[in-house]
Amino acid sequence: GSLVVNYPFDDDEQGIAIYSKSPDDAVFQQLALSYSKENKKMYQGSPCKDMYPTEYFPHGITNGAQWYNVPGGMQDWNYLNTNCFEVTIELGCMKYPRAEELPKYWEQNRRSLLQFMKQV
C-alpha cells in the first residue's frame, strides 16, 4: 500500500518505470490533484517514510508507469476500451488496516471523496 492517486497510463512500450503520458494526461492530473489536495498527508508526497523512505510523489499523485509498470491494468483497459476515466487511489501504507482504524481513514478521505465527486 501507499498513499497516492495513480493515473494512466500504467505501462509503456518498453516495460520499464517511465512516465507514460495518455492523450488526456492533463485531465487525469486534475482529477488526481482534486483528490490529493484534500488529504494533507497524501498531498505532502512522502506518506510511508517508515516503509519506503525514498518514495516521493509530488503533490500526492503519480503516473502509474512512472511509479511501476503494470501491463494490462484495469484503469488503462477501461480508458482505452470504454472511454472510462479511472484512477487508482491508494488509501494508506498498510494494505489491511484493523477495523478500529477505519473511522480514521474515513476522516482523512471524506473531503477528498467529496471533492473528487464534484469533478464529475
C-alpha atoms as a PDB file:
ATOM      1  CA  GLY A   1       0.000   0.000   0.000  1.00  0.00           C
ATOM      2  CA  SER A   2       0.791   3.655  -0.220  1.00  0.00           C
ATOM      3  CA  LEU A   3      -0.996   6.988  -0.024  1.00  0.00           C
ATOM      4  CA  VAL A   4      -1.219   8.341  -3.558  1.00  0.00           C
ATOM      5  CA  VAL A   5      -3.512   8.820  -6.554  1.00  0.00           C
ATOM      6  CA  ASN A   6      -2.208   6.903  -9.552  1.00  0.00           C
ATOM      7  CA  TYR A   7      -3.409   7.770 -13.075  1.00  0.00           C
ATOM      8  CA  PRO A   8      -2.934   6.272 -16.598  1.00  0.00           C
ATOM      9  CA  PHE A   9      -1.013   5.017 -18.252  1.00  0.00           C
ATOM     10  CA  ASP A  10       0.161   2.162 -16.046  1.00  0.00           C
ATOM     11  CA  ASP A  11       2.545   0.700 -18.578  1.00  0.00           C
ATOM     12  CA  ASP A  12       4.656   1.744 -21.527  1.00  0.00           C
ATOM     13  CA  GLU A  13       6.052   0.111 -24.645  1.00  0.00           C
ATOM     14  CA  GLN A  14       9.477  -0.530 -23.097  1.00  0.00           C
ATOM     15  CA  GLY A  15       8.099  -2.218 -19.961  1.00  0.00           C
ATOM     16  CA  ILE A  16      10.135  -0.001 -17.642  1.00  0.00           C
ATOM     17  CA  ALA A  17       9.211   2.532 -14.966  1.00  0.00           C
ATOM     18  CA  ILE A  18       8.962   5.703 -17.055  1.00  0.00           C
ATOM     19  CA  TYR A  19       6.294   8.414 -17.444  1.00  0.00           C
ATOM     20  CA  SER A  20       3.693   7.150 -19.894  1.00  0.00           C
ATOM     21  CA  LYS A  21       1.515  10.066 -20.947  1.00  0.00           C
ATOM     22  CA  SER A  22      -2.056   9.434 -22.078  1.00  0.00           C
ATOM     23  CA  PRO A  23      -3.831  11.771 -24.527  1.00  0.00           C
ATOM     24  CA  ASP A  24      -5.856  13.075 -21.557  1.00  0.00           C
ATOM     25  CA  ASP A  25      -2.907  13.445 -19.196  1.00  0.00           C
ATOM     26  CA  ALA A  26      -3.874  16.954 -18.051  1.00  0.00           C
ATOM     27  CA  VAL A  27      -7.396  15.815 -17.159  1.00  0.00           C
ATOM     28  CA  PHE A  28      -6.057  12.842 -15.217  1.00  0.00           C
ATOM     29  CA  GLN A  29      -3.658  15.098 -13.318  1.00  0.00           C
ATOM     30  CA  GLN A  30      -6.522  17.470 -12.466  1.00  0.00           C
ATOM     31  CA  LEU A  31      -8.672  14.583 -11.186  1.00  0.00           C
ATOM     32  CA  ALA A  32      -5.804  13.167  -9.139  1.00  0.00           C
ATOM     33  CA  LEU A  33      -4.940  16.561  -7.649  1.00  0.00           C
ATOM     34  CA  SER A  34      -8.577  17.266  -6.768  1.00  0.00           C
ATOM     35  CA  TYR A  35      -8.420  14.231  -4.502  1.00  0.00           C
ATOM     36  CA  SER A  36      -4.923  14.601  -3.061  1.00  0.00           C
ATOM     37  CA  LYS A  37      -5.214  18.306  -2.193  1.00  0.00           C
ATOM     38  CA  GLU A  38      -7.919  17.494   0.351  1.00  0.00           C
ATOM     39  CA  ASN A  39      -5.780  14.853   2.100  1.00  0.00           C
ATOM     40  CA  LYS A  40      -2.934  16.699   3.809  1.00  0.00           C
ATOM     41  CA  LYS A  41      -0.726  13.657   4.370  1.00  0.00           C
ATOM     42  CA  MET A  42      -1.212  12.449   0.786  1.00  0.00           C
ATOM     43  CA  TYR A  43      -0.531  15.883  -0.729  1.00  0.00           C
ATOM     44  CA  GLN A  44       2.796  16.166   1.114  1.00  0.00           C
ATOM     45  CA  GLY A  45       4.073  13.310  -1.037  1.00  0.00           C
ATOM     46  CA  SER A  46       6.064  11.161   1.423  1.00  0.00           C
ATOM     47  CA  PRO A  47       3.376   9.250   3.299  1.00  0.00           C
ATOM     48  CA  CYS A  48       5.126   5.955   4.067  1.00  0.00           C
ATOM     49  CA  LYS A  49       8.572   7.091   5.231  1.00  0.00           C
ATOM     50  CA  ASP A  50       8.974   4.190   7.647  1.00  0.00           C
ATOM     51  CA  MET A  51       8.257   1.570   4.984  1.00  0.00           C
ATOM     52  CA  TYR A  52       9.540   3.316   1.841  1.00  0.00           C
ATOM     53  CA  PRO A  53      11.983   6.060   2.890  1.00  0.00           C
ATOM     54  CA  THR A  54      12.907   7.113  -0.664  1.00  0.00           C
ATOM     55  CA  GLU A  55       9.390   7.089  -2.124  1.00  0.00           C
ATOM     56  CA  TYR A  56       8.132  10.555  -3.049  1.00  0.00           C
ATOM     57  CA  PHE A  57       5.027  11.573  -5.016  1.00  0.00           C
ATOM     58  CA  PRO A  58       4.920  15.290  -5.871  1.00  0.00           C
ATOM     59  CA  HIS A  59       1.591  16.611  -4.559  1.00  0.00           C
ATOM     60  CA  GLY A  60       0.464  13.067  -3.757  1.00  0.00           C
ATOM     61  CA  ILE A  61      -0.075  11.927  -7.345  1.00  0.00           C
ATOM     62  CA  THR A  62       1.814   9.771  -9.816  1.00  0.00           C
ATOM     63  CA  ASN A  63       1.648   8.492 -13.339  1.00  0.00           C
ATOM     64  CA  GLY A  64       1.218   4.743 -12.947  1.00  0.00           C
ATOM     65  CA  ALA A  65       4.029   3.663 -15.262  1.00  0.00           C
ATOM     66  CA  GLN A  66       6.431   6.150 -13.687  1.00  0.00           C
ATOM     67  CA  TRP A  67       5.826   4.543 -10.281  1.00  0.00           C
ATOM     68  CA  TYR A  68       5.977   0.936 -11.528  1.00  0.00           C
ATOM     69  CA  ASN A  69       4.957  -0.790 -14.735  1.00  0.00           C
ATOM     70  CA  VAL A  70       1.669  -2.758 -14.763  1.00  0.00           C
ATOM     71  CA  PRO A  71       0.930  -4.283 -18.174  1.00  0.00           C
ATOM     72  CA  GLY A  72      -2.768  -4.921 -18.768  1.00  0.00           C
ATOM     73  CA  GLY A  73      -4.008  -2.931 -15.777  1.00  0.00           C
ATOM     74  CA  MET A  74      -7.723  -2.272 -15.325  1.00  0.00           C
ATOM     75  CA  GLN A  75      -7.544   1.543 -15.391  1.00  0.00           C
ATOM     76  CA  ASP A  76      -5.697   1.503 -18.729  1.00  0.00           C
ATOM     77  CA  TRP A  77      -8.060  -1.098 -20.169  1.00  0.00           C
ATOM     78  CA  ASN A  78     -11.125   0.905 -19.132  1.00  0.00           C
ATOM     79  CA  TYR A  79      -9.664   4.096 -20.551  1.00  0.00           C
ATOM     80  CA  LEU A  80      -8.700   2.570 -23.900  1.00  0.00           C
ATOM     81  CA  ASN A  81     -11.698   0.279 -24.417  1.00  0.00           C
ATOM     82  CA  THR A  82     -14.634   2.028 -22.756  1.00  0.00           C
ATOM     83  CA  ASN A  83     -13.519   5.690 -22.572  1.00  0.00           C
ATOM     84  CA  CYS A  84     -13.863   5.493 -18.782  1.00  0.00           C
ATOM     85  CA  PHE A  85     -11.526   7.830 -16.914  1.00  0.00           C
ATOM     86  CA  GLU A  86     -10.301   5.786 -13.972  1.00  0.00           C
ATOM     87  CA  VAL A  87      -7.661   6.451 -11.340  1.00  0.00           C
ATOM     88  CA  THR A  88      -6.372   4.207  -8.576  1.00  0.00           C
ATOM     89  CA  ILE A  89      -6.464   5.699  -5.104  1.00  0.00           C
ATOM     90  CA  GLU A  90      -4.108   4.089  -2.605  1.00  0.00           C
ATOM     91  CA  LEU A  91      -5.527   4.918   0.836  1.00  0.00           C
ATOM     92  CA  GLY A  92      -2.710   4.004   3.167  1.00  0.00           C
ATOM     93  CA  CYS A  93       0.630   2.421   3.822  1.00  0.00           C
ATOM     94  CA  MET A  94      -0.999  -0.663   5.347  1.00  0.00           C
ATOM     95  CA  LYS A  95      -2.934  -2.784   2.856  1.00  0.00           C
ATOM     96  CA  TYR A  96      -5.139  -4.333   5.523  1.00  0.00           C
ATOM     97  CA  PRO A  97      -5.797  -1.882   8.381  1.00  0.00           C
ATOM     98  CA  ARG A  98      -7.528  -3.053  11.550  1.00  0.00           C
ATOM     99  CA  ALA A  99     -11.281  -2.436  11.734  1.00  0.00           C
ATOM    100  CA  GLU A 100     -10.901   0.083  14.562  1.00  0.00           C
ATOM    101  CA  GLU A 101      -8.716   2.239  12.280  1.00  0.00           C
ATOM    102  CA  LEU A 102     -11.391   2.616   9.588  1.00  0.00           C
ATOM    103  CA  PRO A 103     -13.016   5.758  11.095  1.00  0.00           C
ATOM    104  CA  LYS A 104      -9.601   7.477  10.846  1.00  0.00           C
ATOM    105  CA  TYR A 105      -9.407   6.563   7.141  1.00  0.00           C
ATOM    106  CA  TRP A 106     -12.888   7.967   6.612  1.00  0.00           C
ATOM    107  CA  GLU A 107     -11.946  11.282   8.222  1.00  0.00           C
ATOM    108  CA  GLN A 108      -8.718  11.512   6.205  1.00  0.00           C
ATOM    109  CA  ASN A 109     -10.541  10.898   2.917  1.00  0.00           C
ATOM    110  CA  ARG A 110     -14.071  12.302   3.346  1.00  0.00           C
ATOM    111  CA  ARG A 111     -13.262  15.753   1.933  1.00  0.00           C
ATOM    112  CA  SER A 112     -11.167  14.178  -0.837  1.00  0.00           C
ATOM    113  CA  LEU A 113     -14.049  11.951  -1.901  1.00  0.00           C
ATOM    114  CA  LEU A 114     -16.486  14.860  -1.964  1.00  0.00           C
ATOM    115  CA  GLN A 115     -14.074  16.992  -3.994  1.00  0.00           C
ATOM    116  CA  PHE A 116     -13.463  14.085  -6.376  1.00  0.00           C
ATOM    117  CA  MET A 117     -17.232  13.670  -6.930  1.00  0.00           C
ATOM    118  CA  LYS A 118     -17.524  17.390  -7.726  1.00  0.00           C
ATOM    119  CA  GLN A 119     -15.203  16.841 -10.694  1.00  0.00           C
ATOM    120  CA  VAL A 120     -17.904  14.847 -12.480  1.00  0.00           C
END
